[in-house]
Protein backbone atom coordinates (compact mmCIF):
# COMPACT_ATOMS: atom_id res chain seq x y z
CA MET A 1 0.00 0.03 -0.02
CA SER A 2 2.84 2.40 0.72
CA GLU A 3 3.85 2.74 -2.93
CA VAL A 4 0.39 3.97 -4.00
CA LEU A 5 -0.58 6.01 -0.89
CA ARG A 6 2.64 7.77 0.10
CA GLY A 7 2.30 11.54 -0.17
CA LYS A 8 -1.36 11.40 -1.15
CA ARG A 9 -4.41 13.24 0.26
CA ALA A 10 -7.39 10.92 0.45
CA LEU A 11 -11.09 11.13 1.21
CA VAL A 12 -13.23 8.24 2.54
CA THR A 13 -16.97 8.71 2.50
CA GLY A 14 -18.57 6.90 5.37
CA GLY A 15 -15.11 7.12 6.81
CA THR A 16 -15.97 6.63 10.48
CA GLY A 17 -17.21 3.10 9.76
CA ALA A 18 -15.24 -0.18 10.02
CA PHE A 19 -13.50 0.26 6.67
CA GLY A 20 -12.58 3.87 7.33
CA ARG A 21 -11.08 3.10 10.73
CA ARG A 22 -8.91 0.32 9.34
CA PHE A 23 -7.94 2.34 6.27
CA THR A 24 -6.91 5.26 8.44
CA ARG A 25 -4.27 3.11 10.12
CA ALA A 26 -2.99 1.69 6.86
CA PHE A 27 -2.98 5.15 5.22
CA ARG A 28 -0.92 6.72 7.98
CA ASP A 29 1.45 3.74 8.16
CA ALA A 30 1.96 4.04 4.40
CA GLY A 31 3.05 7.72 4.63
CA GLY A 32 -0.12 9.31 3.31
CA ARG A 33 -0.02 13.11 3.44
CA SER A 34 -3.56 13.80 4.85
CA LEU A 35 -6.88 12.09 5.15
CA VAL A 36 -10.49 13.36 5.18
CA LEU A 37 -13.19 11.17 6.79
CA LEU A 38 -16.69 12.25 5.83
CA SER A 39 -19.84 10.87 7.45
CA ARG A 40 -23.13 11.95 9.03
CA ASP A 41 -22.77 10.28 12.42
CA GLU A 42 -21.52 12.71 15.05
CA MET A 43 -21.16 10.02 17.71
CA LYS A 44 -18.83 8.00 15.48
CA HIS A 45 -16.83 11.16 14.76
CA ALA A 46 -16.46 11.74 18.47
CA ALA A 47 -15.38 8.14 19.04
CA MET A 48 -12.95 8.37 16.13
CA ARG A 49 -11.43 11.60 17.48
CA ARG A 50 -10.83 9.91 20.85
CA GLU A 51 -9.35 6.87 19.10
CA LEU A 52 -6.92 8.97 17.03
CA GLY A 53 -5.87 11.19 19.94
CA PRO A 54 -4.59 14.78 19.86
CA GLN A 55 -1.61 14.15 17.59
CA ALA A 56 -3.70 13.21 14.49
CA ALA A 57 -3.41 16.58 12.73
CA ASP A 58 -3.21 14.74 9.43
CA VAL A 59 -6.76 13.42 9.74
CA GLU A 60 -9.74 15.74 9.13
CA LEU A 61 -13.05 14.57 10.54
CA ARG A 62 -15.78 16.25 8.55
CA ILE A 63 -19.54 15.82 9.23
CA GLY A 64 -21.38 15.85 5.92
CA ASP A 65 -23.87 14.01 3.66
CA ILE A 66 -22.99 12.41 0.34
CA THR A 67 -26.41 13.49 -1.00
CA ASP A 68 -25.46 17.12 -0.54
CA PRO A 69 -23.27 18.38 -3.42
CA ALA A 70 -21.92 21.26 -1.36
CA ASP A 71 -20.67 18.88 1.30
CA LEU A 72 -18.95 16.78 -1.34
CA GLN A 73 -17.37 19.78 -3.06
CA LEU A 74 -15.81 20.92 0.20
CA ALA A 75 -14.66 17.41 1.14
CA LEU A 76 -12.98 16.83 -2.24
CA ARG A 77 -10.83 19.99 -2.19
CA GLY A 78 -7.19 19.07 -2.85
CA VAL A 79 -7.91 15.31 -2.73
CA ASP A 80 -5.97 12.82 -4.81
CA LEU A 81 -7.86 9.65 -3.94
CA VAL A 82 -11.58 9.17 -3.15
CA ILE A 83 -12.87 5.94 -1.62
CA HIS A 84 -16.65 5.80 -1.63
CA ALA A 85 -17.63 3.57 1.31
CA ALA A 86 -20.79 5.42 2.58
CA ALA A 87 -23.92 3.41 2.14
CA MET A 88 -27.02 2.01 3.83
CA LYS A 89 -25.91 -1.59 4.17
CA HIS A 90 -28.39 -3.36 6.44
CA LEU A 91 -30.41 -5.55 4.08
CA PRO A 92 -33.75 -5.57 5.92
CA GLU A 93 -33.68 -1.80 6.36
CA CYS A 94 -32.96 -1.24 2.66
CA GLU A 95 -35.94 -3.50 1.84
CA ALA A 96 -38.21 -1.63 4.23
CA ASN A 97 -36.99 1.81 3.19
CA VAL A 98 -36.54 1.61 -0.59
CA ARG A 99 -36.84 5.34 -1.18
CA ALA A 100 -34.38 6.39 1.48
CA SER A 101 -31.84 3.63 0.67
CA THR A 102 -32.00 4.45 -3.04
CA ARG A 103 -31.30 8.08 -2.26
CA VAL A 104 -28.17 7.13 -0.35
CA ASN A 105 -26.96 4.14 -2.35
CA VAL A 106 -27.79 5.26 -5.88
CA LEU A 107 -28.24 9.04 -5.92
CA GLY A 108 -25.42 9.41 -3.40
CA THR A 109 -23.08 7.37 -5.57
CA GLN A 110 -24.03 9.40 -8.65
CA LEU A 111 -23.33 12.64 -6.72
CA VAL A 112 -19.96 11.31 -5.52
CA ALA A 113 -19.02 10.40 -9.15
CA ASP A 114 -20.17 13.83 -10.35
CA ALA A 115 -18.16 15.58 -7.63
CA PHE A 116 -15.13 13.45 -8.50
CA LEU A 117 -15.36 14.47 -12.18
CA ARG A 118 -15.56 18.19 -11.24
CA SER A 119 -12.61 17.86 -8.85
CA GLY A 120 -8.92 17.40 -9.48
CA ALA A 121 -8.80 13.98 -7.84
CA GLU A 122 -6.93 11.21 -9.64
CA THR A 123 -8.79 8.08 -8.53
CA LEU A 124 -12.27 7.08 -7.39
CA VAL A 125 -12.81 3.70 -5.78
CA PHE A 126 -16.39 2.43 -5.13
CA LEU A 127 -16.83 -0.30 -2.51
CA SER A 128 -19.37 -2.85 -3.79
CA THR A 129 -20.63 -6.26 -2.63
CA ASP A 130 -21.11 -9.82 -3.85
CA LYS A 131 -24.81 -9.16 -3.50
CA ALA A 132 -24.67 -7.07 -6.67
CA PRO A 133 -24.36 -9.88 -9.27
CA TYR A 134 -27.76 -11.38 -10.12
CA ALA A 135 -29.19 -9.12 -7.36
CA SER A 136 -32.23 -10.41 -5.53
CA SER A 137 -32.32 -7.69 -2.84
CA VAL A 138 -32.81 -3.94 -2.90
CA TYR A 139 -29.31 -3.43 -1.53
CA GLY A 140 -27.73 -5.73 -4.10
CA ALA A 141 -29.58 -3.98 -6.93
CA GLN A 142 -28.49 -0.56 -5.69
CA LYS A 143 -24.85 -1.64 -5.51
CA TYR A 144 -25.01 -3.13 -9.00
CA ILE A 145 -26.30 0.23 -10.34
CA GLY A 146 -23.49 1.88 -8.31
CA GLU A 147 -20.89 -0.21 -10.19
CA LYS A 148 -22.41 0.88 -13.48
CA ILE A 149 -22.33 4.55 -12.43
CA VAL A 150 -18.67 4.26 -11.63
CA THR A 151 -17.88 2.53 -14.89
CA GLU A 152 -19.67 5.32 -16.74
CA CYS A 153 -17.67 7.82 -14.66
CA ALA A 154 -14.47 6.15 -15.79
CA ARG A 155 -15.59 6.41 -19.42
CA SER A 156 -16.18 10.17 -18.90
CA ALA A 157 -12.95 10.88 -17.00
CA GLU A 158 -10.11 12.79 -18.52
CA GLN A 159 -6.93 11.02 -19.41
CA GLY A 160 -4.83 10.26 -16.38
CA ARG A 161 -7.88 9.94 -14.14
CA ARG A 162 -9.70 6.73 -13.30
CA ALA A 163 -12.66 5.20 -11.38
CA PHE A 164 -13.20 1.57 -10.55
CA SER A 165 -15.18 -0.68 -8.15
CA LEU A 166 -14.00 -3.18 -5.51
CA ARG A 167 -16.53 -6.02 -5.10
CA TYR A 168 -16.19 -8.29 -2.04
CA SER A 169 -18.06 -10.40 0.44
CA ASN A 170 -18.88 -10.12 4.13
CA VAL A 171 -16.00 -8.85 6.28
CA MET A 172 -15.68 -11.28 9.14
CA ASP A 173 -13.84 -8.86 11.54
CA SER A 174 -16.15 -5.93 10.91
CA THR A 175 -18.51 -4.33 13.38
CA GLY A 176 -22.06 -5.52 12.77
CA SER A 177 -21.05 -8.71 10.93
CA VAL A 178 -22.83 -11.95 11.73
CA PHE A 179 -19.65 -13.04 13.56
CA HIS A 180 -20.02 -10.11 15.93
CA VAL A 181 -23.73 -10.59 16.36
CA PHE A 182 -23.27 -14.28 17.25
CA ARG A 183 -20.33 -13.56 19.56
CA GLU A 184 -22.18 -10.86 21.56
CA ARG A 185 -25.24 -13.13 22.01
CA LEU A 186 -23.26 -16.20 22.99
CA VAL A 187 -21.01 -14.28 25.44
CA ALA A 188 -24.22 -12.99 27.04
CA GLY A 189 -25.53 -16.55 27.31
CA LYS A 190 -28.20 -15.95 24.67
CA PRO A 191 -28.95 -18.19 21.68
CA ALA A 192 -27.37 -17.52 18.29
CA MET A 193 -30.30 -17.55 15.84
CA VAL A 194 -29.55 -19.06 12.43
CA ASN A 195 -31.97 -18.91 9.50
CA GLY A 196 -31.51 -21.82 7.10
CA ALA A 197 -29.21 -24.80 7.64
CA GLN A 198 -27.84 -24.49 4.10
CA THR A 199 -27.21 -20.75 4.12
CA GLU A 200 -23.59 -19.93 3.39
CA ARG A 201 -21.61 -16.74 2.96
CA GLY A 202 -18.27 -15.73 1.60
CA PHE A 203 -16.02 -14.04 4.19
CA VAL A 204 -12.88 -11.94 3.91
CA SER A 205 -10.84 -10.09 6.47
CA GLN A 206 -10.20 -6.38 6.62
CA SER A 207 -6.53 -6.98 5.95
CA GLU A 208 -7.41 -8.93 2.79
CA VAL A 209 -9.61 -6.07 1.56
CA LEU A 210 -6.74 -3.61 2.04
CA ASP A 211 -4.28 -5.95 0.27
CA VAL A 212 -6.50 -6.19 -2.79
CA LEU A 213 -7.17 -2.42 -2.68
CA GLY A 214 -3.47 -1.79 -2.84
CA ALA A 215 -3.05 -4.19 -5.77
CA ALA A 216 -6.01 -2.59 -7.57
CA LEU A 217 -4.68 0.90 -7.05
CA ALA A 218 -1.41 -0.24 -8.66
CA ALA A 219 -3.04 -2.07 -11.62
CA ALA A 220 -6.41 -0.50 -12.54
CA ARG A 221 -6.68 1.84 -15.50
CA GLY A 222 -10.32 2.74 -14.93
CA GLY A 223 -13.80 1.15 -15.42
CA GLU A 224 -12.85 -2.16 -13.82
CA VAL A 225 -14.59 -4.18 -11.18
CA VAL A 226 -12.04 -5.90 -8.96
CA VAL A 227 -13.42 -8.99 -7.20
CA LEU A 228 -11.93 -10.32 -3.98
CA VAL A 229 -12.28 -14.13 -3.80
CA PRO A 230 -13.51 -15.12 -0.26
CA ARG A 231 -13.45 -18.18 1.94
CA VAL A 232 -16.88 -19.81 2.32
CA VAL A 233 -18.47 -20.65 5.64
CA ARG A 234 -21.87 -22.20 6.32
CA ILE A 235 -23.60 -19.93 8.82
CA HIS A 236 -24.86 -22.78 10.92
CA GLU A 237 -21.25 -24.08 11.25
CA LEU A 238 -20.02 -20.58 12.12
CA ALA A 239 -22.48 -20.33 14.99
CA ASN A 240 -21.66 -23.82 16.25
CA ALA A 241 -17.93 -23.18 16.10
CA LEU A 242 -18.31 -19.91 18.05
CA CYS A 243 -20.53 -21.60 20.60
CA LYS A 244 -17.84 -24.25 21.15
CA LEU A 245 -15.04 -21.72 21.43
CA ILE A 246 -16.91 -19.37 23.78
CA GLY A 247 -18.38 -22.16 25.87
CA LYS A 248 -21.68 -20.40 26.48
CA GLY A 249 -25.12 -20.03 24.87
CA GLU A 250 -26.66 -22.23 22.25
CA VAL A 251 -27.50 -22.31 18.54
CA GLN A 252 -31.11 -22.22 17.40
CA LEU A 253 -31.89 -23.07 13.81
CA ALA A 254 -34.97 -21.90 11.86
CA GLU A 255 -35.67 -23.18 8.36
CA GLY A 256 -35.88 -20.73 5.48
CA THR A 257 -34.05 -17.56 4.71
CA ALA A 258 -34.13 -14.51 7.03
CA PHE A 259 -36.19 -12.28 4.76
CA LEU A 260 -37.47 -11.91 1.19
CA GLY A 261 -34.62 -11.34 -1.26
CA GLU A 262 -31.84 -12.98 0.80
CA LYS A 263 -29.91 -15.72 -1.06
CA GLU A 264 -28.61 -18.98 0.40
CA SER A 265 -25.39 -18.44 -1.59
CA ALA A 266 -23.75 -15.84 -3.80
CA THR A 267 -22.20 -15.16 -7.20
CA LEU A 268 -18.96 -13.25 -7.33
CA VAL A 269 -18.48 -13.02 -11.05
CA MET A 270 -21.44 -13.44 -13.43
CA ALA A 271 -21.06 -15.73 -16.45
CA GLU A 272 -21.75 -12.65 -18.60
CA GLU A 273 -18.66 -10.93 -17.18
CA ALA A 274 -16.28 -13.90 -17.74
CA ARG A 275 -14.90 -12.82 -21.10
CA VAL A 276 -13.28 -9.69 -19.60
CA ALA A 277 -12.01 -11.47 -16.47
CA ARG A 278 -8.37 -11.99 -15.61
CA GLU A 279 -6.39 -12.64 -12.44
CA LEU A 280 -5.34 -9.49 -10.64
CA GLU A 281 -1.59 -9.66 -10.18
CA GLY A 282 0.10 -8.75 -6.88
CA VAL A 283 -2.42 -10.57 -4.63
CA PRO A 284 -1.16 -13.71 -2.74
CA GLY A 285 -2.62 -16.93 -4.05
CA GLY A 286 -4.39 -15.39 -7.00
CA ALA A 287 -7.20 -14.26 -4.68
CA ALA A 288 -8.68 -11.57 -6.88
CA VAL A 289 -10.12 -11.25 -10.35
CA LEU A 290 -10.19 -8.06 -12.40
CA LEU A 291 -13.11 -7.44 -14.82
CA ASP A 292 -12.19 -4.91 -17.48
CA LEU A 293 -15.71 -3.71 -18.24
CA LEU A 294 -14.53 -1.11 -20.74
CA SER A 295 -13.12 -4.03 -22.79
CA ARG A 296 -9.94 -2.20 -23.90
CA SER A 297 -8.41 -5.58 -24.52
CA SER A 298 -9.77 -9.11 -24.65
CA HIS A 299 -8.36 -11.43 -21.98
CA ARG A 300 -8.66 -15.20 -21.82
CA PRO A 301 -10.32 -16.13 -18.54
CA PRO A 302 -7.68 -17.06 -15.97
CA ASN A 303 -9.17 -20.50 -15.42
CA GLU A 304 -12.29 -22.63 -15.90
CA ILE A 305 -13.97 -21.02 -12.86
CA ALA A 306 -13.90 -17.51 -14.35
CA ALA A 307 -14.84 -18.87 -17.77
CA LYS A 308 -18.20 -19.92 -16.37
CA GLY A 309 -18.51 -17.23 -13.76
CA LEU A 310 -17.47 -17.52 -10.13
CA THR A 311 -19.78 -18.67 -7.38
CA LEU A 312 -19.12 -19.66 -3.75
CA ASP A 313 -19.15 -23.32 -4.82
CA ALA A 314 -15.75 -22.81 -6.41
CA CYS A 315 -14.12 -21.06 -3.45
CA GLU A 316 -12.18 -22.49 -0.50
CA ARG A 317 -14.39 -23.65 2.35
CA LEU A 318 -13.72 -23.49 6.05
CA SER A 319 -15.29 -25.96 8.48
CA GLY A 320 -14.54 -28.03 11.57
CA GLY A 321 -11.17 -27.47 13.28
CA GLU A 322 -9.96 -25.30 10.38
CA LEU A 323 -12.85 -22.87 10.99
CA GLU A 324 -12.19 -22.85 14.71
CA ARG A 325 -8.47 -22.00 14.11
CA TYR A 326 -9.55 -19.20 11.77
CA LEU A 327 -11.95 -17.74 14.35
CA THR A 328 -9.81 -18.03 17.45
CA PRO A 329 -7.62 -14.92 16.83
CA LEU A 330 -10.79 -12.85 16.14
CA LEU A 331 -12.27 -13.61 19.54
């Protein structure tokens, strides 16, 4: 990360969330010049200020709204890199509040892209989700449109400027993840509630997201979607492993999915995207795929998986003792 961040001024929208907090540490360690964290939540700003301490003059905490063009214009002044992480992310709330979540997740993304094009920033990165391909939920559909907005932004950008998306799965060590929900309930002696014995999710770590972001910043020319390949865990097995490790609580299973629109599994790369897929270099183990959606050159798919699209069925799975070893450091 140091090669691509050293000396830069960066903006993270939604910057007081889990990604912003972790990126702040990585950015400062890499020798970044200054950082702007933009979000609406004053309590998270206060907590972030306490966490950073009085010596963090290189970090500017700015309260603002991505749906307000004036807030964006001020936040982007003098910025080299924009990472758009702000979003309504809770799936049931997006389903129940379509108008509000569309305003944030679609209109907000369009306004960020417009502000980027008007600014002098070099790079825009949009954080997306594996719920976007073949979307069945409001949130997934909004993020898929967001990817298209950013690809169009890349097409409109002047030479030497670029915009691309980073698509990844659930972050295991992120506040609000199912791991944290289960852990809090089990530690309190309450049951971990699991919907659907077959439900599985792809999981990545925050450090893996930052590794792929660094590789993407070094390789992307604009218009791409970079896909981080996750490890797959069955949610029922995750709850049971946590229950065993914590030694408290119990797991309760209900059949069916949690709510309308939720999938039992996920697609990372659609079959329709395979012809522009190639392995992203610079990531350990070939753990990321780059989709060149502007099709400036035709790439042979890196392997049979990408030739047919990439689903969780083709990813590494964690279960049993291997899953417990993976979870232990996170507890």
